[in-house]
């Protein structure tokens, strides 16, 4: 198992690290959907069929969405804690009584924070980090966000960073 990356150069002329090179995680192939995940899981010596697993996963996703939208956090041990996050407008309000939801909240997003043994330290220790060959084309850039002056993500995302369709992963 490997975590793949491509090198990229910071081309922001206002950055203190302009011209320096950094790594950006990439994923191989297409994103695995629920049907493919269920098929994969059913191949792991389980008595449950792909259909039964897909039904449970579909219900789990709907329930996690419902609970997060109710303001709750949902923990899947050794994977992630899912909860809602809020991106506040830069500058904020000068006084509490001046704060307005419409003026000062830019967006609400899904946070996925690593939990249990699935931590940044464990991924760093266990992950076999490999640069993709220059001619390899079956991948997708995971970190599509602009970089801050230090070369890192501006939002501090700790999820996969993969932003497919309407899914968003935050810190």
N, C-alpha and C. Protein backbone atom coordinates (compact mmCIF):
# COMPACT_ATOMS: atom_id res chain seq x y z
N UNK A 1 0.84 -1.19 0.00
CA UNK A 1 0.00 0.00 0.00
C UNK A 1 0.88 1.24 0.00
N UNK A 2 0.49 2.20 -0.82
CA UNK A 2 1.28 3.42 -0.93
C UNK A 2 0.40 4.66 -0.89
N UNK A 3 0.98 5.72 -0.41
CA UNK A 3 0.41 7.06 -0.54
C UNK A 3 1.24 7.72 -1.63
N UNK A 4 0.58 8.09 -2.73
CA UNK A 4 1.29 8.62 -3.88
C UNK A 4 1.30 10.14 -3.87
N UNK A 5 2.34 10.71 -4.47
CA UNK A 5 2.42 12.16 -4.56
C UNK A 5 3.03 12.59 -5.88
N UNK A 6 2.79 13.85 -6.20
CA UNK A 6 3.46 14.53 -7.31
C UNK A 6 4.10 15.78 -6.72
N UNK A 7 5.20 16.19 -7.28
CA UNK A 7 5.85 17.42 -6.84
C UNK A 7 5.21 18.60 -7.57
N UNK A 8 5.12 19.73 -6.86
CA UNK A 8 4.66 20.96 -7.50
C UNK A 8 5.46 22.13 -6.98
N UNK A 9 5.54 23.16 -7.80
CA UNK A 9 6.31 24.34 -7.44
C UNK A 9 5.35 25.46 -7.06
N UNK A 10 5.67 26.16 -5.96
CA UNK A 10 4.89 27.31 -5.53
C UNK A 10 5.14 28.45 -6.52
N UNK A 11 4.09 28.89 -7.19
CA UNK A 11 4.23 29.94 -8.20
C UNK A 11 3.57 31.25 -7.77
N UNK A 12 3.26 31.36 -6.48
CA UNK A 12 2.68 32.58 -5.94
C UNK A 12 3.81 33.55 -5.62
N UNK A 13 3.93 34.61 -6.42
CA UNK A 13 5.06 35.55 -6.27
C UNK A 13 5.03 36.31 -4.95
N UNK A 14 3.87 36.39 -4.29
CA UNK A 14 3.78 37.06 -3.00
C UNK A 14 4.18 36.14 -1.83
N UNK A 15 4.38 34.89 -2.09
CA UNK A 15 4.70 33.91 -1.05
C UNK A 15 6.16 33.98 -0.65
N UNK A 16 6.43 33.78 0.63
CA UNK A 16 7.81 33.75 1.10
C UNK A 16 8.53 32.48 0.64
N UNK A 17 7.79 31.51 0.15
CA UNK A 17 8.39 30.28 -0.35
C UNK A 17 8.19 30.14 -1.87
N UNK A 18 8.06 31.28 -2.55
CA UNK A 18 7.92 31.29 -4.01
C UNK A 18 9.08 30.52 -4.65
N UNK A 19 8.73 29.66 -5.60
CA UNK A 19 9.73 28.92 -6.34
C UNK A 19 10.14 27.60 -5.71
N UNK A 20 9.77 27.38 -4.44
CA UNK A 20 10.14 26.13 -3.77
C UNK A 20 9.20 25.00 -4.19
N UNK A 21 9.69 23.78 -3.97
CA UNK A 21 8.95 22.59 -4.38
C UNK A 21 8.34 21.90 -3.17
N UNK A 22 7.13 21.34 -3.38
CA UNK A 22 6.37 20.65 -2.33
C UNK A 22 5.76 19.38 -2.90
N UNK A 23 5.26 18.52 -2.02
CA UNK A 23 4.57 17.30 -2.44
C UNK A 23 3.06 17.50 -2.32
N UNK A 24 2.32 16.93 -3.24
CA UNK A 24 0.86 16.97 -3.20
C UNK A 24 0.37 15.53 -3.36
N UNK A 25 -0.46 15.07 -2.42
CA UNK A 25 -1.00 13.71 -2.50
C UNK A 25 -1.91 13.57 -3.71
N UNK A 26 -1.85 12.42 -4.35
CA UNK A 26 -2.72 12.11 -5.47
C UNK A 26 -3.34 10.74 -5.24
N UNK A 27 -4.51 10.52 -5.82
CA UNK A 27 -5.16 9.22 -5.72
C UNK A 27 -5.09 8.53 -7.07
N UNK A 28 -5.09 7.22 -7.04
CA UNK A 28 -4.98 6.41 -8.24
C UNK A 28 -6.37 5.95 -8.66
N UNK A 29 -6.67 6.12 -9.94
CA UNK A 29 -7.95 5.64 -10.46
C UNK A 29 -9.13 6.47 -9.98
N UNK A 30 -10.30 5.91 -10.18
CA UNK A 30 -11.52 6.63 -9.82
C UNK A 30 -11.84 6.45 -8.34
N UNK A 31 -12.67 7.32 -7.83
CA UNK A 31 -13.11 7.23 -6.44
C UNK A 31 -14.01 6.01 -6.29
N UNK A 32 -13.80 5.26 -5.22
CA UNK A 32 -14.59 4.06 -4.95
C UNK A 32 -15.95 4.48 -4.41
N UNK A 33 -17.03 4.01 -5.04
CA UNK A 33 -18.37 4.35 -4.56
C UNK A 33 -18.89 3.27 -3.60
N UNK A 34 -20.10 3.46 -3.08
CA UNK A 34 -20.66 2.51 -2.11
C UNK A 34 -20.78 1.11 -2.69
N UNK A 35 -21.20 0.99 -3.94
CA UNK A 35 -21.35 -0.32 -4.57
C UNK A 35 -20.02 -1.06 -4.62
N UNK A 36 -18.97 -0.35 -5.02
CA UNK A 36 -17.64 -0.97 -5.10
C UNK A 36 -17.07 -1.27 -3.71
N UNK A 37 -17.35 -0.38 -2.75
CA UNK A 37 -16.91 -0.64 -1.38
C UNK A 37 -17.60 -1.89 -0.83
N UNK A 38 -18.89 -2.03 -1.08
CA UNK A 38 -19.63 -3.20 -0.61
C UNK A 38 -19.08 -4.48 -1.24
N UNK A 39 -18.76 -4.42 -2.53
CA UNK A 39 -18.18 -5.58 -3.22
C UNK A 39 -16.83 -5.92 -2.60
N UNK A 40 -16.01 -4.91 -2.36
CA UNK A 40 -14.69 -5.13 -1.74
C UNK A 40 -14.85 -5.74 -0.34
N UNK A 41 -15.75 -5.19 0.44
CA UNK A 41 -15.95 -5.70 1.80
C UNK A 41 -16.45 -7.15 1.79
N UNK A 42 -17.33 -7.49 0.84
CA UNK A 42 -17.87 -8.85 0.79
C UNK A 42 -16.81 -9.87 0.42
N UNK A 43 -15.70 -9.41 -0.14
CA UNK A 43 -14.62 -10.33 -0.51
C UNK A 43 -13.67 -10.60 0.65
N UNK A 44 -13.93 -10.01 1.81
CA UNK A 44 -13.06 -10.16 2.97
C UNK A 44 -13.60 -11.17 3.98
N UNK A 45 -13.88 -12.39 3.52
CA UNK A 45 -14.30 -13.49 4.39
C UNK A 45 -15.45 -13.12 5.31
N UNK A 46 -16.49 -12.53 4.75
CA UNK A 46 -17.67 -12.18 5.53
C UNK A 46 -18.85 -13.01 5.05
N UNK A 47 -19.77 -13.34 5.96
CA UNK A 47 -20.95 -14.09 5.53
C UNK A 47 -21.98 -13.20 4.85
N UNK A 48 -21.74 -11.91 4.80
CA UNK A 48 -22.71 -10.98 4.24
C UNK A 48 -22.47 -10.76 2.76
N UNK A 49 -23.55 -10.68 2.03
CA UNK A 49 -23.44 -10.46 0.57
C UNK A 49 -23.14 -9.00 0.28
N UNK A 50 -22.72 -8.74 -0.95
CA UNK A 50 -22.48 -7.38 -1.40
C UNK A 50 -23.74 -6.54 -1.22
N UNK A 51 -24.89 -7.10 -1.55
CA UNK A 51 -26.16 -6.36 -1.45
C UNK A 51 -26.50 -6.00 -0.01
N UNK A 52 -26.30 -6.94 0.91
CA UNK A 52 -26.59 -6.66 2.33
C UNK A 52 -25.65 -5.58 2.86
N UNK A 53 -24.39 -5.68 2.49
CA UNK A 53 -23.40 -4.69 2.94
C UNK A 53 -23.74 -3.32 2.34
N UNK A 54 -24.08 -3.27 1.06
CA UNK A 54 -24.41 -1.99 0.42
C UNK A 54 -25.63 -1.37 1.09
N UNK A 55 -26.61 -2.16 1.44
CA UNK A 55 -27.80 -1.64 2.12
C UNK A 55 -27.45 -1.03 3.46
N UNK A 56 -26.61 -1.71 4.22
CA UNK A 56 -26.18 -1.19 5.52
C UNK A 56 -25.37 0.09 5.36
N UNK A 57 -24.46 0.11 4.39
CA UNK A 57 -23.64 1.30 4.16
C UNK A 57 -24.50 2.49 3.72
N UNK A 58 -25.46 2.23 2.85
CA UNK A 58 -26.36 3.29 2.38
C UNK A 58 -27.12 3.88 3.56
N UNK A 59 -27.65 3.01 4.43
CA UNK A 59 -28.37 3.48 5.62
C UNK A 59 -27.42 4.24 6.55
N UNK A 60 -26.18 3.76 6.69
CA UNK A 60 -25.21 4.41 7.57
C UNK A 60 -24.92 5.83 7.08
N UNK A 61 -24.71 5.97 5.78
CA UNK A 61 -24.43 7.29 5.21
C UNK A 61 -25.59 8.24 5.48
N UNK A 62 -26.80 7.80 5.22
CA UNK A 62 -27.98 8.65 5.46
C UNK A 62 -28.10 9.03 6.94
N UNK A 63 -27.84 8.09 7.83
CA UNK A 63 -27.93 8.37 9.26
C UNK A 63 -26.83 9.33 9.71
N UNK A 64 -25.62 9.17 9.20
CA UNK A 64 -24.54 10.10 9.55
C UNK A 64 -24.89 11.50 9.07
N UNK A 65 -25.41 11.62 7.86
CA UNK A 65 -25.83 12.94 7.35
C UNK A 65 -26.88 13.56 8.26
N UNK A 66 -27.88 12.77 8.61
CA UNK A 66 -28.97 13.25 9.46
C UNK A 66 -28.44 13.72 10.81
N UNK A 67 -27.60 12.92 11.44
CA UNK A 67 -27.07 13.27 12.76
C UNK A 67 -26.16 14.49 12.71
N UNK A 68 -25.31 14.59 11.69
CA UNK A 68 -24.44 15.76 11.56
C UNK A 68 -25.28 17.02 11.36
N UNK A 69 -26.34 16.92 10.55
CA UNK A 69 -27.22 18.08 10.34
C UNK A 69 -28.01 18.44 11.59
N UNK A 70 -28.09 17.52 12.57
CA UNK A 70 -28.71 17.81 13.87
C UNK A 70 -27.69 18.38 14.86
N UNK A 71 -26.44 18.58 14.40
CA UNK A 71 -25.42 19.15 15.26
C UNK A 71 -24.64 18.14 16.08
N UNK A 72 -24.81 16.87 15.78
CA UNK A 72 -24.10 15.82 16.52
C UNK A 72 -22.82 15.43 15.79
N UNK A 73 -21.89 14.84 16.52
CA UNK A 73 -20.68 14.27 15.94
C UNK A 73 -20.85 12.75 15.93
N UNK A 74 -20.40 12.11 14.88
CA UNK A 74 -20.51 10.66 14.73
C UNK A 74 -19.11 10.09 14.60
N UNK A 75 -18.78 9.15 15.49
CA UNK A 75 -17.44 8.55 15.52
C UNK A 75 -17.48 7.14 14.95
N UNK A 76 -16.64 6.90 13.96
CA UNK A 76 -16.38 5.54 13.47
C UNK A 76 -14.98 5.20 13.96
N UNK A 77 -14.89 4.33 14.98
CA UNK A 77 -13.59 4.05 15.61
C UNK A 77 -12.52 3.68 14.58
N UNK A 78 -11.33 4.18 14.83
CA UNK A 78 -10.16 3.94 13.99
C UNK A 78 -10.33 4.44 12.56
N UNK A 79 -11.24 5.39 12.36
CA UNK A 79 -11.41 6.02 11.06
C UNK A 79 -11.53 7.53 11.25
N UNK A 80 -12.72 8.00 11.63
CA UNK A 80 -12.92 9.45 11.72
C UNK A 80 -14.12 9.79 12.60
N UNK A 81 -14.11 11.03 13.08
CA UNK A 81 -15.27 11.62 13.73
C UNK A 81 -15.81 12.63 12.73
N UNK A 82 -17.07 12.44 12.33
CA UNK A 82 -17.71 13.32 11.37
C UNK A 82 -18.55 14.35 12.11
N UNK A 83 -18.40 15.61 11.74
CA UNK A 83 -19.19 16.68 12.34
C UNK A 83 -19.24 17.85 11.37
N UNK A 84 -20.09 18.82 11.69
CA UNK A 84 -20.20 20.01 10.86
C UNK A 84 -19.16 21.03 11.30
N UNK A 85 -18.63 21.74 10.36
CA UNK A 85 -17.73 22.85 10.63
C UNK A 85 -18.29 24.10 9.98
N UNK A 86 -17.87 25.25 10.46
CA UNK A 86 -18.33 26.52 9.91
C UNK A 86 -17.12 27.34 9.48
N UNK A 87 -17.19 27.89 8.28
CA UNK A 87 -16.16 28.81 7.81
C UNK A 87 -16.70 30.22 7.99
N UNK A 88 -16.03 30.97 8.84
CA UNK A 88 -16.45 32.33 9.15
C UNK A 88 -15.75 33.31 8.23
N UNK A 89 -16.46 34.35 7.84
CA UNK A 89 -15.89 35.37 6.97
C UNK A 89 -14.67 36.00 7.60
N UNK A 90 -13.67 36.29 6.77
CA UNK A 90 -12.45 36.93 7.28
C UNK A 90 -12.79 38.28 7.88
N UNK A 91 -12.16 38.59 8.96
CA UNK A 91 -12.38 39.87 9.62
C UNK A 91 -13.42 39.78 10.72
N UNK A 92 -14.42 38.91 10.56
CA UNK A 92 -15.44 38.75 11.59
C UNK A 92 -16.20 40.03 11.88
N UNK A 93 -16.91 40.04 12.99
CA UNK A 93 -17.67 41.20 13.44
C UNK A 93 -16.90 41.87 14.57
N UNK A 94 -16.95 43.18 14.62
CA UNK A 94 -16.25 43.91 15.67
C UNK A 94 -16.87 43.67 17.04
N UNK A 95 -18.21 43.56 17.10
CA UNK A 95 -18.92 43.33 18.36
C UNK A 95 -19.87 42.16 18.20
N UNK A 96 -20.13 41.47 19.28
CA UNK A 96 -21.03 40.32 19.27
C UNK A 96 -22.39 40.68 18.68
N UNK A 97 -22.92 41.82 19.07
CA UNK A 97 -24.26 42.21 18.60
C UNK A 97 -24.27 42.57 17.11
N UNK A 98 -23.09 42.77 16.51
CA UNK A 98 -23.00 43.06 15.08
C UNK A 98 -22.89 41.79 14.22
N UNK A 99 -22.66 40.66 14.88
CA UNK A 99 -22.48 39.40 14.14
C UNK A 99 -23.79 39.00 13.47
N UNK A 100 -23.71 38.68 12.19
CA UNK A 100 -24.87 38.27 11.42
C UNK A 100 -24.55 36.97 10.68
N UNK A 101 -25.46 36.02 10.75
CA UNK A 101 -25.28 34.75 10.05
C UNK A 101 -25.06 34.98 8.56
N UNK A 102 -25.86 35.83 7.96
CA UNK A 102 -25.74 36.04 6.51
C UNK A 102 -24.48 36.79 6.13
N UNK A 103 -23.99 37.68 6.98
CA UNK A 103 -22.79 38.46 6.67
C UNK A 103 -21.50 37.76 7.07
N UNK A 104 -21.52 36.97 8.12
CA UNK A 104 -20.28 36.50 8.71
C UNK A 104 -20.04 34.99 8.62
N UNK A 105 -20.99 34.23 8.12
CA UNK A 105 -20.77 32.79 7.92
C UNK A 105 -20.72 32.54 6.43
N UNK A 106 -19.55 32.10 5.95
CA UNK A 106 -19.37 31.84 4.52
C UNK A 106 -19.96 30.51 4.10
N UNK A 107 -19.72 29.45 4.91
CA UNK A 107 -20.23 28.13 4.54
C UNK A 107 -20.22 27.20 5.73
N UNK A 108 -20.97 26.12 5.57
CA UNK A 108 -20.96 25.02 6.52
C UNK A 108 -20.43 23.81 5.75
N UNK A 109 -19.55 23.03 6.37
CA UNK A 109 -18.93 21.92 5.66
C UNK A 109 -18.81 20.70 6.56
N UNK A 110 -18.50 19.57 5.97
CA UNK A 110 -18.32 18.32 6.70
C UNK A 110 -16.88 18.21 7.15
N UNK A 111 -16.69 17.97 8.44
CA UNK A 111 -15.34 17.72 8.97
C UNK A 111 -15.20 16.22 9.18
N UNK A 112 -14.04 15.70 8.89
CA UNK A 112 -13.70 14.30 9.16
C UNK A 112 -12.35 14.31 9.85
N UNK A 113 -12.36 14.11 11.17
CA UNK A 113 -11.12 14.13 11.94
C UNK A 113 -10.71 12.70 12.26
N UNK A 114 -9.47 12.38 11.99
CA UNK A 114 -8.96 11.03 12.23
C UNK A 114 -9.12 10.67 13.70
N UNK A 115 -9.38 9.39 13.95
CA UNK A 115 -9.58 8.92 15.31
C UNK A 115 -8.93 7.56 15.52
N UNK A 116 -8.69 7.23 16.77
CA UNK A 116 -8.10 5.93 17.10
C UNK A 116 -6.72 5.78 16.50
N UNK A 117 -6.47 4.64 15.87
CA UNK A 117 -5.16 4.37 15.28
C UNK A 117 -4.98 5.00 13.91
N UNK A 118 -6.03 5.60 13.36
CA UNK A 118 -5.95 6.20 12.03
C UNK A 118 -5.59 7.67 12.17
N UNK A 119 -4.42 7.93 12.71
CA UNK A 119 -3.97 9.29 12.98
C UNK A 119 -2.94 9.72 11.95
N UNK A 120 -2.63 10.98 11.95
CA UNK A 120 -1.58 11.51 11.07
C UNK A 120 -0.27 10.79 11.34
N UNK A 121 0.06 10.59 12.62
CA UNK A 121 1.31 9.92 12.96
C UNK A 121 1.33 8.48 12.43
N UNK A 122 0.21 7.77 12.57
CA UNK A 122 0.15 6.38 12.09
C UNK A 122 0.24 6.33 10.57
N UNK A 123 -0.45 7.24 9.90
CA UNK A 123 -0.38 7.27 8.44
C UNK A 123 1.04 7.57 7.97
N UNK A 124 1.70 8.48 8.66
CA UNK A 124 3.08 8.83 8.30
C UNK A 124 3.99 7.64 8.52
N UNK A 125 3.79 6.94 9.63
CA UNK A 125 4.64 5.79 9.97
C UNK A 125 4.37 4.61 9.03
N UNK A 126 3.08 4.32 8.77
CA UNK A 126 2.71 3.13 8.01
C UNK A 126 2.66 3.37 6.51
N UNK A 127 2.46 4.61 6.11
CA UNK A 127 2.31 4.91 4.69
C UNK A 127 3.62 4.80 3.95
N UNK A 128 3.60 4.08 2.86
CA UNK A 128 4.75 3.99 1.97
C UNK A 128 4.58 5.11 0.95
N UNK A 129 5.29 6.22 1.14
CA UNK A 129 5.14 7.39 0.29
C UNK A 129 5.98 7.21 -0.96
N UNK A 130 5.30 7.30 -2.13
CA UNK A 130 5.94 7.01 -3.40
C UNK A 130 5.60 8.08 -4.43
N UNK A 131 6.60 8.60 -5.11
CA UNK A 131 6.33 9.57 -6.18
C UNK A 131 5.86 8.82 -7.41
N UNK A 132 4.79 9.34 -8.01
CA UNK A 132 4.29 8.75 -9.25
C UNK A 132 5.26 9.05 -10.38
N UNK A 133 5.44 8.11 -11.30
CA UNK A 133 6.27 8.39 -12.47
C UNK A 133 5.66 9.53 -13.28
N UNK A 134 6.47 10.32 -13.92
CA UNK A 134 5.99 11.47 -14.68
C UNK A 134 4.98 11.09 -15.77
N UNK A 135 5.10 9.90 -16.35
CA UNK A 135 4.20 9.49 -17.42
C UNK A 135 2.93 8.81 -16.92
N UNK A 136 2.75 8.66 -15.61
CA UNK A 136 1.56 8.02 -15.06
C UNK A 136 0.41 9.02 -15.12
N UNK A 137 -0.72 8.62 -15.71
CA UNK A 137 -1.82 9.57 -15.91
C UNK A 137 -3.10 9.18 -15.20
N UNK A 138 -3.20 7.99 -14.60
CA UNK A 138 -4.44 7.54 -13.96
C UNK A 138 -4.46 7.95 -12.50
N UNK A 139 -4.52 9.26 -12.26
CA UNK A 139 -4.55 9.76 -10.90
C UNK A 139 -5.36 11.04 -10.83
N UNK A 140 -5.66 11.47 -9.61
CA UNK A 140 -6.35 12.73 -9.40
C UNK A 140 -5.62 13.48 -8.30
N UNK A 141 -5.38 14.78 -8.50
CA UNK A 141 -4.79 15.59 -7.43
C UNK A 141 -5.76 15.62 -6.27
N UNK A 142 -5.26 15.32 -5.07
CA UNK A 142 -6.10 15.33 -3.88
C UNK A 142 -6.15 16.71 -3.26
N UNK A 143 -5.03 17.36 -3.14
CA UNK A 143 -4.98 18.68 -2.51
C UNK A 143 -5.12 19.74 -3.58
N UNK A 144 -6.37 20.09 -3.90
CA UNK A 144 -6.64 21.06 -4.95
C UNK A 144 -6.66 22.49 -4.42
N UNK A 145 -6.35 22.68 -3.14
CA UNK A 145 -6.46 23.99 -2.53
C UNK A 145 -5.21 24.82 -2.75
N UNK A 146 -5.38 26.15 -2.76
CA UNK A 146 -4.19 27.00 -2.85
C UNK A 146 -3.35 26.84 -1.59
N UNK A 147 -2.09 27.14 -1.70
CA UNK A 147 -1.22 26.99 -0.54
C UNK A 147 -0.99 28.33 0.15
N UNK A 148 -0.73 28.26 1.46
CA UNK A 148 -0.41 29.48 2.18
C UNK A 148 1.07 29.79 2.00
N UNK A 149 1.58 30.77 2.69
CA UNK A 149 2.96 31.18 2.49
C UNK A 149 3.97 30.11 2.88
N UNK A 150 3.57 29.19 3.72
CA UNK A 150 4.49 28.12 4.13
C UNK A 150 4.38 26.89 3.25
N UNK A 151 3.50 26.95 2.25
CA UNK A 151 3.37 25.83 1.33
C UNK A 151 2.28 24.86 1.71
N UNK A 152 1.66 25.03 2.88
CA UNK A 152 0.62 24.10 3.33
C UNK A 152 -0.76 24.56 2.92
N UNK A 153 -1.76 23.74 3.23
CA UNK A 153 -3.14 24.05 2.90
C UNK A 153 -3.63 25.22 3.75
N UNK A 154 -4.38 26.13 3.14
CA UNK A 154 -4.89 27.27 3.88
C UNK A 154 -5.95 26.87 4.88
N UNK A 155 -6.76 25.86 4.57
CA UNK A 155 -7.85 25.50 5.46
C UNK A 155 -7.44 24.54 6.56
N UNK A 156 -6.26 23.97 6.45
CA UNK A 156 -5.81 23.02 7.47
C UNK A 156 -6.55 21.70 7.40
N UNK A 157 -7.04 21.30 6.25
CA UNK A 157 -7.80 20.06 6.12
C UNK A 157 -6.97 18.88 6.57
N UNK A 158 -7.64 17.96 7.29
CA UNK A 158 -6.97 16.75 7.70
C UNK A 158 -7.65 15.53 7.13
N UNK A 159 -8.72 15.74 6.38
CA UNK A 159 -9.37 14.63 5.73
C UNK A 159 -8.60 14.23 4.51
N UNK A 160 -9.27 13.62 3.57
CA UNK A 160 -8.58 13.19 2.38
C UNK A 160 -8.22 14.34 1.48
N UNK A 161 -8.94 15.40 1.62
CA UNK A 161 -8.71 16.53 0.75
C UNK A 161 -9.35 16.35 -0.60
N UNK A 162 -9.84 15.19 -0.92
CA UNK A 162 -10.45 14.91 -2.19
C UNK A 162 -11.84 15.53 -2.20
N UNK A 163 -12.11 16.45 -3.10
CA UNK A 163 -13.38 17.14 -3.10
C UNK A 163 -14.16 16.76 -4.33
N UNK A 164 -14.80 15.60 -4.30
CA UNK A 164 -15.61 15.13 -5.41
C UNK A 164 -17.04 15.60 -5.21
N UNK A 165 -17.67 15.99 -6.29
CA UNK A 165 -19.07 16.40 -6.31
C UNK A 165 -19.36 17.39 -5.19
N UNK A 166 -20.31 17.04 -4.29
CA UNK A 166 -20.70 17.97 -3.24
C UNK A 166 -20.08 17.61 -1.89
N UNK A 167 -19.10 16.74 -1.88
CA UNK A 167 -18.49 16.33 -0.64
C UNK A 167 -17.34 17.28 -0.32
N UNK A 168 -17.19 17.63 0.95
CA UNK A 168 -16.10 18.48 1.37
C UNK A 168 -15.54 17.94 2.66
N UNK A 169 -14.23 17.87 2.76
CA UNK A 169 -13.60 17.36 3.95
C UNK A 169 -12.81 18.48 4.57
N UNK A 170 -13.01 18.69 5.84
CA UNK A 170 -12.31 19.77 6.52
C UNK A 170 -11.53 19.28 7.71
N UNK A 171 -11.08 20.22 8.51
CA UNK A 171 -10.26 19.87 9.66
C UNK A 171 -11.13 19.42 10.73
